Amino acid sequence: MNKNNTALVAIIRRGLEIVLADGSFERLFQHTFGEEIRALHFEKRVIIELDNPLVPPGLEHALTTPWLQPLH
């Protein structure tokens, strides 16, 4: 899309916010990729969190919001 099309950006952003909030994105994601993700055995892995002082202000939440939460 054209980065200057702010109306379209707003529509897409709102749609993404809705599907994230109501859980439909997570359900579709798990339906599509859940079996493969569970086969990776994330529960047996160690997560190492690193601070990044170069993250621009206002972006911290986007980087700390987990995009992948495997169901056990």
Protein backbone atom coordinates (compact mmCIF):
# COMPACT_ATOMS: atom_id res chain seq x y z
CA MET A 1 0.00 0.00 0.00
CA ASN A 2 1.07 3.58 -0.43
CA LYS A 3 2.59 4.84 2.83
CA ASN A 4 0.82 8.15 2.28
CA ASN A 5 -2.62 6.50 2.25
CA THR A 6 -3.31 7.22 5.91
CA ALA A 7 -6.97 6.20 5.62
CA LEU A 8 -6.02 2.70 4.49
CA VAL A 9 -3.34 2.48 7.17
CA ALA A 10 -5.96 3.36 9.81
CA ILE A 11 -8.41 0.75 8.49
CA ILE A 12 -5.79 -2.02 8.47
CA ARG A 13 -4.49 -1.05 11.91
CA ARG A 14 -8.01 -1.06 13.36
CA GLY A 15 -8.74 -4.45 11.82
CA LEU A 16 -5.56 -5.91 13.30
CA GLU A 17 -6.36 -4.44 16.71
CA ILE A 18 -9.83 -6.03 16.59
CA VAL A 19 -8.65 -9.53 15.65
CA LEU A 20 -5.90 -9.40 18.26
CA ALA A 21 -8.31 -8.20 20.97
CA ASP A 22 -11.10 -10.70 20.29
CA GLY A 23 -8.75 -13.69 20.03
CA SER A 24 -9.64 -14.60 16.44
CA PHE A 25 -6.06 -14.00 15.24
CA GLU A 26 -4.70 -16.36 17.91
CA ARG A 27 -7.28 -19.03 17.04
CA LEU A 28 -6.48 -18.84 13.33
CA PHE A 29 -2.74 -18.80 14.01
CA GLN A 30 -2.95 -21.84 16.30
CA HIS A 31 -5.21 -23.68 13.85
CA THR A 32 -2.75 -23.03 11.04
CA PHE A 33 0.61 -23.40 12.81
CA GLY A 34 -0.13 -24.85 16.27
CA GLU A 35 0.92 -28.43 15.57
CA GLU A 36 4.24 -27.37 14.08
CA ILE A 37 4.91 -24.95 16.93
CA ARG A 38 4.13 -27.55 19.61
CA ALA A 39 6.57 -29.92 17.87
CA LEU A 40 9.33 -27.37 18.59
CA HIS A 41 8.92 -27.95 22.36
CA PHE A 42 9.22 -24.31 23.38
CA GLU A 43 8.44 -25.28 26.98
CA LYS A 44 11.87 -26.96 27.16
CA ARG A 45 13.78 -23.93 25.86
CA VAL A 46 15.46 -21.16 27.81
CA ILE A 47 14.41 -17.58 27.06
CA ILE A 48 17.10 -14.96 27.46
CA GLU A 49 15.77 -11.40 27.64
CA LEU A 50 18.09 -8.62 26.58
CA ASP A 51 17.64 -4.89 27.11
CA ASN A 52 18.09 -2.75 24.01
CA PRO A 53 18.78 0.92 24.73
CA LEU A 54 18.40 1.69 21.01
CA VAL A 55 14.66 0.94 20.89
CA PRO A 56 12.88 4.17 19.92
CA PRO A 57 10.52 5.66 22.53
CA GLY A 58 6.97 4.38 22.11
CA LEU A 59 8.02 1.11 20.50
CA GLU A 60 8.80 -0.72 23.75
CA HIS A 61 5.29 -2.19 24.06
CA ALA A 62 5.31 -3.58 20.52
CA LEU A 63 8.57 -5.37 21.21
CA THR A 64 7.49 -6.79 24.58
CA THR A 65 4.10 -8.02 23.41
CA PRO A 66 4.60 -11.69 22.60
CA TRP A 67 3.53 -12.57 19.08
CA LEU A 68 4.00 -16.26 19.64
CA GLN A 69 2.57 -17.93 22.71
CA PRO A 70 2.54 -21.68 22.12
CA LEU A 71 -0.38 -23.46 23.73
CA HIS A 72 0.60 -26.35 25.97
